[in-house]
């Protein structure tokens, strides 16, 4: 199976539940959305790679605990053959980071969904979203927070409709978002989109996220830790 791949590298997980864990990232190329907060140049230096070549590149790196497949949008490509090959070589802890607009066509250890309803009006695939272990929203102002809460309510309605006996165990994250911080990953060429990140301090966004988490008890607050530490 051939895939469009942007880069394969080792780093620490920078967000959410697994922040700080050494991880091998397989960053897929291409995406079906164009979001104004995206910090990934997923359209340049994209190359076609056979799954065997991807596996070879992964095995050439020091062993980490997890494999994280991100993008771009990873579920725009059929990941099942790749994940099967990874599992066959002992890489059994595979994570997916997705915008949630495509069906989940593979079995993975952890699903992180970042819905983009607030950026472009994209529709989610509820089969994917309801299976998420982690759901996160970048927050810059109260309007973003209102959209995030509206999505959570819709999520609970869909969960009750499709899986009435299921308890929602997903972790819900608010990310204070600062889009005015100029940043380039060390060793990488900075691109225009890459200057828009969640690194730096947007004190208004931080206060909104922290206050809401304390008031409701339903949300966690996170940051992009890899950018705070200035690692890829």
Protein backbone atom coordinates (compact mmCIF):
# COMPACT_ATOMS: atom_id res chain seq x y z
CA UNK A 1 0.00 0.00 0.00
CA UNK A 2 1.34 3.43 -0.92
CA UNK A 3 0.88 6.52 1.27
CA UNK A 4 1.45 10.24 1.01
CA UNK A 5 3.90 11.05 3.83
CA UNK A 6 5.25 14.40 5.02
CA UNK A 7 7.83 13.25 7.58
CA UNK A 8 8.76 10.51 10.04
CA UNK A 9 10.62 11.49 13.21
CA UNK A 10 11.02 10.92 16.95
CA UNK A 11 10.05 13.49 19.53
CA UNK A 12 8.01 13.78 22.70
CA UNK A 13 4.23 13.91 22.57
CA UNK A 14 3.35 17.56 23.06
CA UNK A 15 -0.35 17.56 23.90
CA UNK A 16 -3.08 15.91 25.90
CA UNK A 17 -2.99 12.64 27.81
CA UNK A 18 0.41 11.44 26.62
CA UNK A 19 2.32 14.71 26.82
CA UNK A 20 6.01 14.11 27.46
CA UNK A 21 6.07 10.50 26.23
CA UNK A 22 8.75 9.63 23.65
CA UNK A 23 6.86 9.01 20.42
CA UNK A 24 7.55 8.18 16.78
CA UNK A 25 5.48 10.45 14.56
CA UNK A 26 4.38 9.46 11.08
CA UNK A 27 3.02 12.71 9.67
CA UNK A 28 0.86 12.11 6.62
CA UNK A 29 0.60 14.64 3.82
CA UNK A 30 -2.53 16.36 2.54
CA UNK A 31 -5.70 17.41 4.35
CA UNK A 32 -9.33 17.93 3.39
CA UNK A 33 -9.57 21.13 5.47
CA UNK A 34 -7.81 24.48 5.59
CA UNK A 35 -7.85 25.80 9.16
CA UNK A 36 -6.48 29.22 10.10
CA UNK A 37 -4.85 27.83 13.26
CA UNK A 38 -2.95 24.99 11.55
CA UNK A 39 0.77 24.91 12.31
CA UNK A 40 1.70 22.06 9.95
CA UNK A 41 2.95 22.48 6.41
CA UNK A 42 1.36 19.29 5.11
CA UNK A 43 1.42 20.09 1.37
CA UNK A 44 5.13 20.55 0.65
CA UNK A 45 7.88 17.91 0.66
CA UNK A 46 5.23 15.20 0.58
CA UNK A 47 6.42 11.92 -0.90
CA UNK A 48 4.77 8.66 -1.86
CA UNK A 49 6.00 5.81 0.33
CA UNK A 50 5.13 2.13 0.36
CA UNK A 51 4.10 0.79 3.75
CA UNK A 52 7.26 -1.33 3.75
CA UNK A 53 9.37 1.82 3.30
CA UNK A 54 7.53 3.54 6.15
CA UNK A 55 8.15 0.55 8.39
CA UNK A 56 11.84 0.58 7.45
CA UNK A 57 12.08 4.29 8.33
CA UNK A 58 10.38 3.69 11.69
CA UNK A 59 12.69 0.76 12.52
CA UNK A 60 15.73 2.94 11.74
CA UNK A 61 14.77 5.27 14.61
CA UNK A 62 15.34 4.59 18.32
CA UNK A 63 12.45 2.60 19.78
CA UNK A 64 9.76 4.71 21.48
CA UNK A 65 6.69 3.68 23.40
CA UNK A 66 4.15 4.91 20.86
CA UNK A 67 3.62 5.40 17.14
CA UNK A 68 1.46 8.47 16.41
CA UNK A 69 0.01 8.90 12.94
CA UNK A 70 -1.01 12.50 12.32
CA UNK A 71 -1.19 14.89 9.40
CA UNK A 72 -2.57 16.61 7.50
CA UNK A 73 -5.49 14.27 7.91
CA UNK A 74 -4.36 10.66 8.36
CA UNK A 75 -7.78 9.06 7.95
CA UNK A 76 -8.02 10.46 4.42
CA UNK A 77 -5.81 7.46 3.57
CA UNK A 78 -6.50 3.79 4.30
CA UNK A 79 -4.28 3.15 7.31
CA UNK A 80 -5.32 -0.44 7.99
CA UNK A 81 -2.50 -2.10 5.96
CA UNK A 82 0.15 0.18 7.51
CA UNK A 83 -1.06 -0.39 11.06
CA UNK A 84 -1.17 -4.15 10.45
CA UNK A 85 2.46 -4.09 9.30
CA UNK A 86 3.49 -2.00 12.31
CA UNK A 87 1.70 -4.40 14.67
CA UNK A 88 3.37 -7.34 12.97
CA UNK A 89 6.75 -5.86 13.89
CA UNK A 90 5.78 -5.31 17.52
CA UNK A 91 4.59 -1.70 17.29
CA UNK A 92 1.28 -2.33 19.03
CA UNK A 93 0.66 1.08 20.63
CA UNK A 94 -0.51 3.14 17.66
CA UNK A 95 -2.26 6.49 18.09
CA UNK A 96 -4.23 8.53 15.56
CA UNK A 97 -4.67 12.31 15.54
CA UNK A 98 -7.60 13.23 13.30
CA UNK A 99 -10.07 16.04 12.58
CA UNK A 100 -12.85 13.45 12.79
CA UNK A 101 -14.35 13.97 9.34
CA UNK A 102 -13.52 10.50 7.96
CA UNK A 103 -14.70 7.03 9.04
CA UNK A 104 -12.35 5.11 11.30
CA UNK A 105 -11.10 2.23 9.14
CA UNK A 106 -8.43 0.79 11.43
CA UNK A 107 -7.93 -0.54 14.95
CA UNK A 108 -5.67 1.68 17.08
CA UNK A 109 -4.77 2.10 20.75
CA UNK A 110 -5.71 5.77 21.11
CA UNK A 111 -7.84 8.17 19.07
CA UNK A 112 -7.41 11.91 19.46
CA UNK A 113 -10.01 14.02 17.66
CA UNK A 114 -9.75 17.76 17.17
CA UNK A 115 -13.10 18.75 15.61
CA UNK A 116 -12.94 21.68 13.23
CA UNK A 117 -16.56 22.81 13.36
CA UNK A 118 -15.37 26.26 14.43
CA UNK A 119 -13.05 26.45 11.41
CA UNK A 120 -14.84 26.09 8.11
CA UNK A 121 -18.06 24.34 9.14
CA UNK A 122 -16.80 20.81 8.44
CA UNK A 123 -19.06 17.89 9.36
CA UNK A 124 -17.72 15.16 11.60
CA UNK A 125 -18.09 11.42 11.24
CA UNK A 126 -19.81 10.47 14.48
CA UNK A 127 -18.64 6.88 14.22
CA UNK A 128 -15.09 8.18 14.57
CA UNK A 129 -15.78 10.92 17.11
CA UNK A 130 -17.79 8.71 19.47
CA UNK A 131 -14.84 6.30 19.61
CA UNK A 132 -12.40 9.06 20.58
CA UNK A 133 -10.31 8.69 23.71
CA UNK A 134 -9.43 12.36 23.66
CA UNK A 135 -11.13 15.44 22.18
CA UNK A 136 -9.46 18.84 22.06
CA UNK A 137 -10.31 22.38 21.02
CA UNK A 138 -8.02 25.40 20.50
CA UNK A 139 -9.58 28.33 22.36
CA UNK A 140 -8.81 32.00 21.75
CA UNK A 141 -12.01 33.70 22.96
CA UNK A 142 -15.46 33.11 24.46
CA UNK A 143 -16.99 32.38 21.06
CA UNK A 144 -14.66 29.41 20.63
CA UNK A 145 -15.59 28.18 24.09
CA UNK A 146 -19.31 28.41 23.27
CA UNK A 147 -18.74 26.33 20.14
CA UNK A 148 -16.77 23.75 22.09
CA UNK A 149 -19.53 23.40 24.69
CA UNK A 150 -22.16 23.15 21.93
CA UNK A 151 -20.16 20.36 20.34
CA UNK A 152 -19.90 18.53 23.66
CA UNK A 153 -23.68 18.68 24.11
CA UNK A 154 -24.20 17.33 20.59
CA UNK A 155 -21.66 14.59 21.32
CA UNK A 156 -23.65 13.49 24.38
CA UNK A 157 -26.90 13.47 22.38
CA UNK A 158 -25.33 11.34 19.64
CA UNK A 159 -23.79 9.01 22.22
CA UNK A 160 -27.12 8.47 23.96
CA UNK A 161 -28.86 7.90 20.62
CA UNK A 162 -26.37 5.38 19.22
CA UNK A 163 -24.97 3.76 22.36
CA UNK A 164 -27.52 4.36 25.14
CA UNK A 165 -25.77 2.15 27.70
CA UNK A 166 -22.32 3.70 27.17
CA UNK A 167 -20.69 6.16 29.56
CA UNK A 168 -18.58 8.88 27.94
CA UNK A 169 -15.00 8.28 29.11
CA UNK A 170 -13.28 10.60 26.63
CA UNK A 171 -10.88 13.25 27.92
CA UNK A 172 -11.95 16.75 26.87
CA UNK A 173 -9.24 19.39 26.47
CA UNK A 174 -9.23 23.15 26.05
CA UNK A 175 -6.05 24.57 24.47
CA UNK A 176 -5.39 28.29 25.02
CA UNK A 177 -4.47 29.48 21.54
CA UNK A 178 -2.08 32.29 20.69
CA UNK A 179 -1.84 33.01 16.96
CA UNK A 180 0.62 35.90 17.21
CA UNK A 181 3.76 34.01 18.21
CA UNK A 182 6.48 33.57 15.61
CA UNK A 183 7.87 30.04 15.82
CA UNK A 184 9.98 27.66 13.75
CA UNK A 185 10.87 24.10 14.73
CA UNK A 186 14.62 23.85 15.26
CA UNK A 187 16.23 22.32 12.20
CA UNK A 188 13.21 22.95 10.01
CA UNK A 189 12.45 25.69 7.51
CA UNK A 190 9.73 27.93 8.88
CA UNK A 191 6.61 28.18 6.75
CA UNK A 192 3.92 30.84 6.80
CA UNK A 193 1.30 28.60 8.42
CA UNK A 194 3.83 27.47 11.01
CA UNK A 195 3.92 30.96 12.53
CA UNK A 196 0.39 30.46 13.84
CA UNK A 197 0.74 28.36 16.95
CA UNK A 198 -0.48 27.85 20.46
CA UNK A 199 2.92 28.67 21.91
CA UNK A 200 3.27 31.87 23.88
CA UNK A 201 0.81 33.48 26.25
CA UNK A 202 -2.60 34.68 25.29
CA UNK A 203 -3.65 35.65 28.79
CA UNK A 204 -7.29 36.11 27.83
CA UNK A 205 -7.47 32.60 26.34
CA UNK A 206 -5.68 31.09 29.33
CA UNK A 207 -8.12 32.72 31.74
CA UNK A 208 -11.12 31.59 29.69
CA UNK A 209 -9.93 27.97 29.64
CA UNK A 210 -8.85 27.77 33.28
CA UNK A 211 -11.98 29.53 34.59
CA UNK A 212 -14.27 27.29 32.55
CA UNK A 213 -12.49 24.13 33.68
CA UNK A 214 -12.79 25.19 37.32
CA UNK A 215 -16.44 26.24 36.97
CA UNK A 216 -17.65 23.10 35.19
CA UNK A 217 -15.29 20.32 36.25
CA UNK A 218 -15.83 18.79 32.82
CA UNK A 219 -12.74 19.99 30.96
CA UNK A 220 -8.96 19.67 31.17
CA UNK A 221 -6.59 22.46 30.15
CA UNK A 222 -3.55 21.65 28.04
CA UNK A 223 -0.83 23.35 26.02
CA UNK A 224 1.44 22.43 23.11
CA UNK A 225 4.28 21.36 25.35
CA UNK A 226 6.70 20.55 22.54
CA UNK A 227 6.57 24.18 21.43
CA UNK A 228 7.08 25.46 24.95
CA UNK A 229 10.18 23.26 25.09
CA UNK A 230 11.15 24.17 21.49
CA UNK A 231 11.50 20.63 20.22
CA UNK A 232 10.12 19.33 16.88
